[in-house]
C-alpha atoms as a PDB file:
ATOM      1  CA  UNK A   1      90.667   7.451  81.297  1.00  0.00           C
ATOM      2  CA  UNK A   2      89.177   8.628  84.483  1.00  0.00           C
ATOM      3  CA  UNK A   3      88.138   5.979  86.991  1.00  0.00           C
ATOM      4  CA  UNK A   4      84.438   6.779  86.689  1.00  0.00           C
ATOM      5  CA  UNK A   5      83.906   6.556  90.269  1.00  0.00           C
ATOM      6  CA  UNK A   6      82.580  10.275  90.730  1.00  0.00           C
ATOM      7  CA  UNK A   7      85.840  11.371  92.003  1.00  0.00           C
ATOM      8  CA  UNK A   8      85.921  14.513  89.421  1.00  0.00           C
ATOM      9  CA  UNK A   9      87.352  14.852  86.157  1.00  0.00           C
ATOM     10  CA  UNK A  10      90.477  16.841  86.643  1.00  0.00           C
ATOM     11  CA  UNK A  11      94.040  15.785  86.050  1.00  0.00           C
ATOM     12  CA  UNK A  12      96.072  16.567  89.087  1.00  0.00           C
ATOM     13  CA  UNK A  13      99.710  16.175  90.354  1.00  0.00           C
ATOM     14  CA  UNK A  14      99.914  15.194  94.009  1.00  0.00           C
ATOM     15  CA  UNK A  15      99.086  15.051  96.750  1.00  0.00           C
ATOM     16  CA  UNK A  16     102.565  16.126  97.751  1.00  0.00           C
ATOM     17  CA  UNK A  17     103.586  15.733 101.491  1.00  0.00           C
ATOM     18  CA  UNK A  18     104.748  18.962 102.908  1.00  0.00           C
ATOM     19  CA  UNK A  19     107.402  18.226 105.787  1.00  0.00           C
ATOM     20  CA  UNK A  20     106.324  19.475 109.065  1.00  0.00           C
ATOM     21  CA  UNK A  21     102.741  20.769 108.223  1.00  0.00           C
ATOM     22  CA  UNK A  22     100.306  20.212 110.812  1.00  0.00           C
ATOM     23  CA  UNK A  23      96.506  21.253 111.295  1.00  0.00           C
ATOM     24  CA  UNK A  24      96.209  24.836 112.032  1.00  0.00           C
ATOM     25  CA  UNK A  25      99.345  25.811 109.880  1.00  0.00           C
ATOM     26  CA  UNK A  26      98.959  27.924 106.809  1.00  0.00           C
ATOM     27  CA  UNK A  27     100.764  26.899 103.541  1.00  0.00           C
ATOM     28  CA  UNK A  28     101.939  29.616 101.172  1.00  0.00           C
ATOM     29  CA  UNK A  29     102.143  28.616  97.556  1.00  0.00           C
ATOM     30  CA  UNK A  30     104.049  30.864  95.258  1.00  0.00           C
ATOM     31  CA  UNK A  31     103.688  30.152  91.452  1.00  0.00           C
ATOM     32  CA  UNK A  32     107.049  31.300  90.166  1.00  0.00           C
ATOM     33  CA  UNK A  33     106.271  30.272  86.501  1.00  0.00           C
ATOM     34  CA  UNK A  34     103.896  28.365  84.376  1.00  0.00           C
ATOM     35  CA  UNK A  35     104.443  27.610  80.685  1.00  0.00           C
ATOM     36  CA  UNK A  36     102.621  25.601  78.161  1.00  0.00           C
ATOM     37  CA  UNK A  37     104.157  22.124  77.706  1.00  0.00           C
ATOM     38  CA  UNK A  38     105.093  21.215  74.037  1.00  0.00           C
ATOM     39  CA  UNK A  39     103.674  18.640  72.183  1.00  0.00           C
ATOM     40  CA  UNK A  40     105.117  14.883  72.702  1.00  0.00           C
ATOM     41  CA  UNK A  41     104.104  14.313  69.023  1.00  0.00           C
ATOM     42  CA  UNK A  42     107.109  14.430  66.809  1.00  0.00           C
ATOM     43  CA  UNK A  43     105.003  15.697  64.075  1.00  0.00           C
ATOM     44  CA  UNK A  44     104.431  18.837  66.151  1.00  0.00           C
ATOM     45  CA  UNK A  45     107.721  19.243  67.896  1.00  0.00           C
ATOM     46  CA  UNK A  46     107.922  22.455  69.786  1.00  0.00           C
ATOM     47  CA  UNK A  47     104.309  23.312  69.399  1.00  0.00           C
ATOM     48  CA  UNK A  48     101.877  23.493  72.193  1.00  0.00           C
ATOM     49  CA  UNK A  49      98.099  22.764  71.961  1.00  0.00           C
ATOM     50  CA  UNK A  50      94.997  23.111  74.119  1.00  0.00           C
ATOM     51  CA  UNK A  51      91.254  22.316  73.766  1.00  0.00           C
ATOM     52  CA  UNK A  52      87.894  23.957  74.831  1.00  0.00           C
ATOM     53  CA  UNK A  53      84.725  21.942  75.184  1.00  0.00           C
ATOM     54  CA  UNK A  54      81.390  23.620  74.591  1.00  0.00           C
ATOM     55  CA  UNK A  55      79.820  20.860  76.743  1.00  0.00           C
ATOM     56  CA  UNK A  56      76.392  19.951  78.157  1.00  0.00           C
ATOM     57  CA  UNK A  57      77.067  21.156  81.648  1.00  0.00           C
ATOM     58  CA  UNK A  58      77.984  24.700  80.161  1.00  0.00           C
ATOM     59  CA  UNK A  59      75.436  27.428  79.179  1.00  0.00           C
ATOM     60  CA  UNK A  60      75.843  27.168  75.478  1.00  0.00           C
ATOM     61  CA  UNK A  61      74.396  23.739  74.899  1.00  0.00           C
ATOM     62  CA  UNK A  62      70.736  24.617  76.000  1.00  0.00           C
ATOM     63  CA  UNK A  63      70.872  28.138  74.553  1.00  0.00           C
ATOM     64  CA  UNK A  64      71.932  27.749  70.794  1.00  0.00           C
ATOM     65  CA  UNK A  65      70.362  29.874  68.205  1.00  0.00           C
ATOM     66  CA  UNK A  66      67.808  27.633  66.445  1.00  0.00           C
ATOM     67  CA  UNK A  67      67.365  25.550  69.423  1.00  0.00           C
ATOM     68  CA  UNK A  68      69.876  23.004  68.450  1.00  0.00           C
ATOM     69  CA  UNK A  69      71.856  21.163  70.929  1.00  0.00           C
ATOM     70  CA  UNK A  70      75.194  20.221  70.277  1.00  0.00           C
ATOM     71  CA  UNK A  71      78.775  19.720  71.992  1.00  0.00           C
ATOM     72  CA  UNK A  72      81.685  21.140  69.975  1.00  0.00           C
ATOM     73  CA  UNK A  73      85.408  20.479  70.704  1.00  0.00           C
ATOM     74  CA  UNK A  74      87.858  23.239  69.605  1.00  0.00           C
ATOM     75  CA  UNK A  75      91.581  22.579  69.474  1.00  0.00           C
ATOM     76  CA  UNK A  76      93.843  25.472  69.756  1.00  0.00           C
ATOM     77  CA  UNK A  77      97.455  26.102  69.127  1.00  0.00           C
ATOM     78  CA  UNK A  78      99.111  27.885  72.012  1.00  0.00           C
ATOM     79  CA  UNK A  79     101.959  30.155  71.627  1.00  0.00           C
ATOM     80  CA  UNK A  80     103.548  31.651  74.729  1.00  0.00           C
ATOM     81  CA  UNK A  81     106.881  32.820  73.503  1.00  0.00           C
ATOM     82  CA  UNK A  82     106.405  36.273  74.660  1.00  0.00           C
ATOM     83  CA  UNK A  83     106.193  37.780  71.149  1.00  0.00           C
ATOM     84  CA  UNK A  84     102.776  36.540  70.599  1.00  0.00           C
ATOM     85  CA  UNK A  85     101.273  34.916  73.745  1.00  0.00           C
ATOM     86  CA  UNK A  86      97.907  33.949  72.051  1.00  0.00           C
ATOM     87  CA  UNK A  87      95.818  30.981  71.331  1.00  0.00           C
ATOM     88  CA  UNK A  88      94.631  30.335  67.748  1.00  0.00           C
ATOM     89  CA  UNK A  89      91.911  27.717  66.686  1.00  0.00           C
ATOM     90  CA  UNK A  90      93.212  24.696  64.604  1.00  0.00           C
ATOM     91  CA  UNK A  91      90.004  23.004  64.031  1.00  0.00           C
ATOM     92  CA  UNK A  92      86.754  22.078  65.795  1.00  0.00           C
ATOM     93  CA  UNK A  93      84.384  19.073  65.473  1.00  0.00           C
ATOM     94  CA  UNK A  94      80.992  18.251  66.914  1.00  0.00           C
ATOM     95  CA  UNK A  95      81.033  15.244  69.379  1.00  0.00           C
ATOM     96  CA  UNK A  96      79.273  12.286  68.367  1.00  0.00           C
ATOM     97  CA  UNK A  97      78.755   9.265  70.360  1.00  0.00           C
ATOM     98  CA  UNK A  98      81.924   7.363  71.416  1.00  0.00           C
ATOM     99  CA  UNK A  99      82.369   3.923  72.703  1.00  0.00           C
ATOM    100  CA  UNK A 100      85.100   3.671  75.350  1.00  0.00           C
ATOM    101  CA  UNK A 101      87.439   0.487  75.613  1.00  0.00           C
ATOM    102  CA  UNK A 102      85.147  -1.074  78.230  1.00  0.00           C
ATOM    103  CA  UNK A 103      82.265  -1.306  75.532  1.00  0.00           C
ATOM    104  CA  UNK A 104      80.324   1.772  77.013  1.00  0.00           C
ATOM    105  CA  UNK A 105      78.816   4.133  74.473  1.00  0.00           C
ATOM    106  CA  UNK A 106      78.701   7.861  75.460  1.00  0.00           C
ATOM    107  CA  UNK A 107      76.320  10.101  73.644  1.00  0.00           C
ATOM    108  CA  UNK A 108      77.623  13.170  75.579  1.00  0.00           C
ATOM    109  CA  UNK A 109      80.936  14.228  77.135  1.00  0.00           C
ATOM    110  CA  UNK A 110      80.221  12.414  80.388  1.00  0.00           C
ATOM    111  CA  UNK A 111      83.338  10.970  81.366  1.00  0.00           C
ATOM    112  CA  UNK A 112      86.915  12.514  81.919  1.00  0.00           C
ATOM    113  CA  UNK A 113      89.582  11.415  79.358  1.00  0.00           C
ATOM    114  CA  UNK A 114      87.350   9.929  76.949  1.00  0.00           C
ATOM    115  CA  UNK A 115      89.407   8.757  74.070  1.00  0.00           C
ATOM    116  CA  UNK A 116      87.875  10.091  70.639  1.00  0.00           C
ATOM    117  CA  UNK A 117      87.659   7.904  67.492  1.00  0.00           C
ATOM    118  CA  UNK A 118      88.350  10.690  64.865  1.00  0.00           C
ATOM    119  CA  UNK A 119      87.083   8.164  62.063  1.00  0.00           C
ATOM    120  CA  UNK A 120      83.659   9.105  63.404  1.00  0.00           C
ATOM    121  CA  UNK A 121      84.130  12.856  63.744  1.00  0.00           C
ATOM    122  CA  UNK A 122      84.052  15.645  61.017  1.00  0.00           C
ATOM    123  CA  UNK A 123      86.769  18.130  61.636  1.00  0.00           C
ATOM    124  CA  UNK A 124      86.136  21.782  60.498  1.00  0.00           C
ATOM    125  CA  UNK A 125      89.438  23.518  59.860  1.00  0.00           C
ATOM    126  CA  UNK A 126      87.712  26.807  58.731  1.00  0.00           C
ATOM    127  CA  UNK A 127      86.914  28.027  62.152  1.00  0.00           C
ATOM    128  CA  UNK A 128      87.683  31.261  63.987  1.00  0.00           C
ATOM    129  CA  UNK A 129      89.885  32.477  61.051  1.00  0.00           C
ATOM    130  CA  UNK A 130      91.824  35.562  61.976  1.00  0.00           C
ATOM    131  CA  UNK A 131      90.802  35.354  65.798  1.00  0.00           C
ATOM    132  CA  UNK A 132      93.542  35.231  68.377  1.00  0.00           C
ATOM    133  CA  UNK A 133      92.766  34.883  72.031  1.00  0.00           C
ATOM    134  CA  UNK A 134      95.244  36.337  74.625  1.00  0.00           C
ATOM    135  CA  UNK A 135      96.415  33.509  76.967  1.00  0.00           C
ATOM    136  CA  UNK A 136      97.222  33.890  80.502  1.00  0.00           C
ATOM    137  CA  UNK A 137      98.337  30.513  81.862  1.00  0.00           C
ATOM    138  CA  UNK A 138      97.149  29.502  85.152  1.00  0.00           C
ATOM    139  CA  UNK A 139      95.866  26.468  87.305  1.00  0.00           C
ATOM    140  CA  UNK A 140      92.151  25.832  87.637  1.00  0.00           C
ATOM    141  CA  UNK A 141      92.543  23.429  90.683  1.00  0.00           C
ATOM    142  CA  UNK A 142      95.060  23.916  93.465  1.00  0.00           C
ATOM    143  CA  UNK A 143      94.787  23.154  97.041  1.00  0.00           C
ATOM    144  CA  UNK A 144      95.335  21.062 100.085  1.00  0.00           C
ATOM    145  CA  UNK A 145      93.538  18.128 101.670  1.00  0.00           C
ATOM    146  CA  UNK A 146      90.337  18.373 103.836  1.00  0.00           C
ATOM    147  CA  UNK A 147      90.126  16.730 107.073  1.00  0.00           C
ATOM    148  CA  UNK A 148      86.480  15.266 106.554  1.00  0.00           C
ATOM    149  CA  UNK A 149      87.219  12.688 103.840  1.00  0.00           C
ATOM    150  CA  UNK A 150      89.966  10.547 102.344  1.00  0.00           C
ATOM    151  CA  UNK A 151      88.629  10.661  98.821  1.00  0.00           C
ATOM    152  CA  UNK A 152      87.360  14.043  97.449  1.00  0.00           C
ATOM    153  CA  UNK A 153      85.385  14.942  94.286  1.00  0.00           C
ATOM    154  CA  UNK A 154      87.884  17.354  92.497  1.00  0.00           C
ATOM    155  CA  UNK A 155      84.840  19.638  91.198  1.00  0.00           C
ATOM    156  CA  UNK A 156      83.451  21.637  94.120  1.00  0.00           C
ATOM    157  CA  UNK A 157      85.855  23.886  95.823  1.00  0.00           C
ATOM    158  CA  UNK A 158      86.050  24.117  99.580  1.00  0.00           C
ATOM    159  CA  UNK A 159      87.827  25.735 102.346  1.00  0.00           C
ATOM    160  CA  UNK A 160      90.813  23.812 101.461  1.00  0.00           C
ATOM    161  CA  UNK A 161      91.005  25.362  97.838  1.00  0.00           C
ATOM    162  CA  UNK A 162      90.569  22.947  94.933  1.00  0.00           C
ATOM    163  CA  UNK A 163      88.643  23.850  91.792  1.00  0.00           C
ATOM    164  CA  UNK A 164      88.496  27.620  91.993  1.00  0.00           C
ATOM    165  CA  UNK A 165      89.044  28.239  88.421  1.00  0.00           C
ATOM    166  CA  UNK A 166      90.316  31.798  88.893  1.00  0.00           C
ATOM    167  CA  UNK A 167      92.585  32.981  85.775  1.00  0.00           C
ATOM    168  CA  UNK A 168      94.816  35.080  88.363  1.00  0.00           C
ATOM    169  CA  UNK A 169      96.305  31.829  89.799  1.00  0.00           C
ATOM    170  CA  UNK A 170      99.136  31.864  87.475  1.00  0.00           C
ATOM    171  CA  UNK A 171     102.772  33.352  87.293  1.00  0.00           C
ATOM    172  CA  UNK A 172     103.474  35.747  90.193  1.00  0.00           C
ATOM    173  CA  UNK A 173     100.217  34.582  92.292  1.00  0.00           C
ATOM    174  CA  UNK A 174     100.761  33.737  95.949  1.00  0.00           C
ATOM    175  CA  UNK A 175      97.970  31.384  97.515  1.00  0.00           C
ATOM    176  CA  UNK A 176      97.399  30.658 101.132  1.00  0.00           C
ATOM    177  CA  UNK A 177      95.734  27.701 102.323  1.00  0.00           C
ATOM    178  CA  UNK A 178      94.652  26.518 105.730  1.00  0.00           C
ATOM    179  CA  UNK A 179      96.339  23.170 106.690  1.00  0.00           C
ATOM    180  CA  UNK A 180      93.783  20.554 107.737  1.00  0.00           C
ATOM    181  CA  UNK A 181      95.766  17.364 107.746  1.00  0.00           C
ATOM    182  CA  UNK A 182      99.325  16.235 108.735  1.00  0.00           C
ATOM    183  CA  UNK A 183     101.387  16.850 105.670  1.00  0.00           C
ATOM    184  CA  UNK A 184      98.988  19.350 104.032  1.00  0.00           C
ATOM    185  CA  UNK A 185      98.825  16.964 101.076  1.00  0.00           C
ATOM    186  CA  UNK A 186      99.211  19.609  98.380  1.00  0.00           C
ATOM    187  CA  UNK A 187      97.610  19.028  94.822  1.00  0.00           C
ATOM    188  CA  UNK A 188      97.737  21.017  91.590  1.00  0.00           C
ATOM    189  CA  UNK A 189      96.366  20.751  88.277  1.00  0.00           C
ATOM    190  CA  UNK A 190      93.343  21.586  85.577  1.00  0.00           C
ATOM    191  CA  UNK A 191      95.853  23.792  83.856  1.00  0.00           C
ATOM    192  CA  UNK A 192      94.386  26.427  81.586  1.00  0.00           C
ATOM    193  CA  UNK A 193      95.961  28.392  78.685  1.00  0.00           C
ATOM    194  CA  UNK A 194      92.940  31.083  78.849  1.00  0.00           C
ATOM    195  CA  UNK A 195      89.927  31.383  80.775  1.00  0.00           C
ATOM    196  CA  UNK A 196      87.594  34.520  81.417  1.00  0.00           C
ATOM    197  CA  UNK A 197      85.802  35.052  84.801  1.00  0.00           C
ATOM    198  CA  UNK A 198      83.875  31.846  84.251  1.00  0.00           C
ATOM    199  CA  UNK A 199      83.761  28.743  81.963  1.00  0.00           C
ATOM    200  CA  UNK A 200      80.571  29.699  80.233  1.00  0.00           C
ATOM    201  CA  UNK A 201      80.658  27.006  77.634  1.00  0.00           C
ATOM    202  CA  UNK A 202      81.825  24.255  79.980  1.00  0.00           C
ATOM    203  CA  UNK A 203      85.711  24.558  80.161  1.00  0.00           C
ATOM    204  CA  UNK A 204      88.524  26.882  79.684  1.00  0.00           C
ATOM    205  CA  UNK A 205      91.240  26.358  76.956  1.00  0.00           C
ATOM    206  CA  UNK A 206      92.479  23.354  78.680  1.00  0.00           C
ATOM    207  CA  UNK A 207      96.225  22.558  78.073  1.00  0.00           C
ATOM    208  CA  UNK A 208      99.305  21.028  79.633  1.00  0.00           C
ATOM    209  CA  UNK A 209     101.455  23.449  81.689  1.00  0.00           C
ATOM    210  CA  UNK A 210     104.822  23.004  83.398  1.00  0.00           C
ATOM    211  CA  UNK A 211     105.178  24.972  86.505  1.00  0.00           C
ATOM    212  CA  UNK A 212     107.919  26.081  89.052  1.00  0.00           C
ATOM    213  CA  UNK A 213     106.582  26.751  92.465  1.00  0.00           C
ATOM    214  CA  UNK A 214     107.743  27.625  96.006  1.00  0.00           C
ATOM    215  CA  UNK A 215     106.096  26.288  99.146  1.00  0.00           C
ATOM    216  CA  UNK A 216     106.414  28.152 102.581  1.00  0.00           C
ATOM    217  CA  UNK A 217     104.967  26.841 105.625  1.00  0.00           C
ATOM    218  CA  UNK A 218     103.658  29.227 108.180  1.00  0.00           C
ATOM    219  CA  UNK A 219     103.441  27.467 111.635  1.00  0.00           C
ATOM    220  CA  UNK A 220     100.291  27.976 113.816  1.00  0.00           C
ATOM    221  CA  UNK A 221     102.586  29.378 116.828  1.00  0.00           C
ATOM    222  CA  UNK A 222     103.767  32.173 114.764  1.00  0.00           C
ATOM    223  CA  UNK A 223     100.518  33.430 113.278  1.00  0.00           C
ATOM    224  CA  UNK A 224      99.393  35.554 116.012  1.00  0.00           C
ATOM    225  CA  UNK A 225      99.581  39.305 114.899  1.00  0.00           C
ATOM    226  CA  UNK A 226     100.176  38.589 111.384  1.00  0.00           C
ATOM    227  CA  UNK A 227      98.017  38.834 108.324  1.00  0.00           C
ATOM    228  CA  UNK A 228      97.685  35.111 108.290  1.00  0.00           C
ATOM    229  CA  UNK A 229      95.955  34.741 111.647  1.00  0.00           C
ATOM    230  CA  UNK A 230      92.749  33.161 111.419  1.00  0.00           C
ATOM    231  CA  UNK A 231      93.069  32.240 107.723  1.00  0.00           C
ATOM    232  CA  UNK A 232      90.446  29.529 107.406  1.00  0.00           C
ATOM    233  CA  UNK A 233      89.920  29.831 103.744  1.00  0.00           C
ATOM    234  CA  UNK A 234      91.905  30.383 100.400  1.00  0.00           C
ATOM    235  CA  UNK A 235      93.511  33.671  99.774  1.00  0.00           C
ATOM    236  CA  UNK A 236      94.930  34.978  96.707  1.00  0.00           C
ATOM    237  CA  UNK A 237      97.761  37.594  96.670  1.00  0.00           C
ATOM    238  CA  UNK A 238      98.707  39.289  93.410  1.00  0.00           C
ATOM    239  CA  UNK A 239     100.947  42.372  92.899  1.00  0.00           C
ATOM    240  CA  UNK A 240      97.917  44.759  93.295  1.00  0.00           C
ATOM    241  CA  UNK A 241      95.122  42.898  95.074  1.00  0.00           C
ATOM    242  CA  UNK A 242      94.019  40.634  97.623  1.00  0.00           C
ATOM    243  CA  UNK A 243      91.443  38.095  96.523  1.00  0.00           C
ATOM    244  CA  UNK A 244      88.794  36.079  98.358  1.00  0.00           C
ATOM    245  CA  UNK A 245      86.587  33.232  96.649  1.00  0.00           C
ATOM    246  CA  UNK A 246      82.967  32.876  97.707  1.00  0.00           C
ATOM    247  CA  UNK A 247      81.472  29.399  97.807  1.00  0.00           C
ATOM    248  CA  UNK A 248      77.874  28.180  97.980  1.00  0.00           C
ATOM    249  CA  UNK A 249      78.793  26.085 100.968  1.00  0.00           C
ATOM    250  CA  UNK A 250      82.345  26.978 102.516  1.00  0.00           C
ATOM    251  CA  UNK A 251      82.898  23.419 103.793  1.00  0.00           C
ATOM    252  CA  UNK A 252      80.472  21.295 102.041  1.00  0.00           C
ATOM    253  CA  UNK A 253      82.027  18.166 103.431  1.00  0.00           C
ATOM    254  CA  UNK A 254      81.480  19.241 106.911  1.00  0.00           C
ATOM    255  CA  UNK A 255      78.153  20.976 106.508  1.00  0.00           C
ATOM    256  CA  UNK A 256      76.302  18.349 104.229  1.00  0.00           C
ATOM    257  CA  UNK A 257      77.372  15.053 105.866  1.00  0.00           C
ATOM    258  CA  UNK A 258      78.037  11.671 104.292  1.00  0.00           C
ATOM    259  CA  UNK A 259      76.337  12.375 101.074  1.00  0.00           C
ATOM    260  CA  UNK A 260      77.919  15.981 100.609  1.00  0.00           C
ATOM    261  CA  UNK A 261      79.686  15.337  97.461  1.00  0.00           C
ATOM    262  CA  UNK A 262      76.556  14.453  95.497  1.00  0.00           C
ATOM    263  CA  UNK A 263      74.225  16.794  97.193  1.00  0.00           C
ATOM    264  CA  UNK A 264      76.433  19.893  96.722  1.00  0.00           C
ATOM    265  CA  UNK A 265      75.442  20.021  93.191  1.00  0.00           C
ATOM    266  CA  UNK A 266      71.878  20.850  94.066  1.00  0.00           C
ATOM    267  CA  UNK A 267      72.866  23.429  96.722  1.00  0.00           C
ATOM    268  CA  UNK A 268      74.837  25.617  94.495  1.00  0.00           C
ATOM    269  CA  UNK A 269      73.698  29.302  94.654  1.00  0.00           C
ATOM    270  CA  UNK A 270      75.241  32.531  93.309  1.00  0.00           C
ATOM    271  CA  UNK A 271      73.520  34.284  96.370  1.00  0.00           C
ATOM    272  CA  UNK A 272      74.988  32.050  98.985  1.00  0.00           C
ATOM    273  CA  UNK A 273      78.603  32.476  97.138  1.00  0.00           C
ATOM    274  CA  UNK A 274      78.140  36.202  96.982  1.00  0.00           C
ATOM    275  CA  UNK A 275      77.160  36.311 100.845  1.00  0.00           C
ATOM    276  CA  UNK A 276      80.178  33.928 101.637  1.00  0.00           C
ATOM    277  CA  UNK A 277      82.696  36.177  99.764  1.00  0.00           C
ATOM    278  CA  UNK A 278      81.197  39.223 101.681  1.00  0.00           C
ATOM    279  CA  UNK A 279      81.712  37.722 104.878  1.00  0.00           C
ATOM    280  CA  UNK A 280      85.267  36.492 104.200  1.00  0.00           C
ATOM    281  CA  UNK A 281      86.197  40.096 103.020  1.00  0.00           C
ATOM    282  CA  UNK A 282      84.548  41.649 105.917  1.00  0.00           C
ATOM    283  CA  UNK A 283      86.543  39.574 108.255  1.00  0.00           C
ATOM    284  CA  UNK A 284      89.789  39.991 106.337  1.00  0.00           C
ATOM    285  CA  UNK A 285      89.356  43.864 106.471  1.00  0.00           C
ATOM    286  CA  UNK A 286      88.225  44.149 110.056  1.00  0.00           C
ATOM    287  CA  UNK A 287      90.333  41.290 111.752  1.00  0.00           C
ATOM    288  CA  UNK A 288      93.247  40.935 109.528  1.00  0.00           C
ATOM    289  CA  UNK A 289      93.766  44.650 108.437  1.00  0.00           C
ATOM    290  CA  UNK A 290      92.132  46.193 111.413  1.00  0.00           C
END
């Protein structure tokens, strides 16, 4: 289970100390491969699974036909053999109040890693028959540590990356991050089997992934005159694109003070995020690309 102390709900690997990384450097992360991890349950040997939550924080919950409010968990089997590369629903079930090991009852999915007592749920195995969803495995959360705080909520992204949730950050992607602390302290996780350009219902098809990655450290003294000069935000490079990411508050920890990690949720704005994306791309085109 998650700790419950408002540090976010993502499972991450890290932080990983990068030898020689110092503030002012840029860390390049190349995702050489990422594949779904098979189930450890011997009854499902060789099979991979993922789950999607139509949860209370998503847009479906308060906009159901007929006005009903419900949270639904859908379990998918994920096939990434290359012949198929799809996710297919196995079953779903409505969330019902669950009592955690500490005796606290949760009417909604309000806590990461909540164990589910399936004696209380009613599984529906007749869901999305004949529907296969193309998968594109990627990491929803990837980044380095900020200088402004020692413990960071994993939900809001920042100038150091984090929970960007861009489906393009998968195999073949290259991410660049400004280093703010000694060792960079890289973390990666929140793996997804598939996602569109949002998490409309609350989550992607969340799954376990095994990745092979390469880290390349670009020292500050060597950045002048390169495309990484003045790189002060996460930048994605694909085979065909450069991609910037707009955030409502690019550095919420620095801008909002001691209560930033609580206040940012009330200051999220698509308008502000679009303006931030515009400013980053303008700087990239004018300063970096000349």
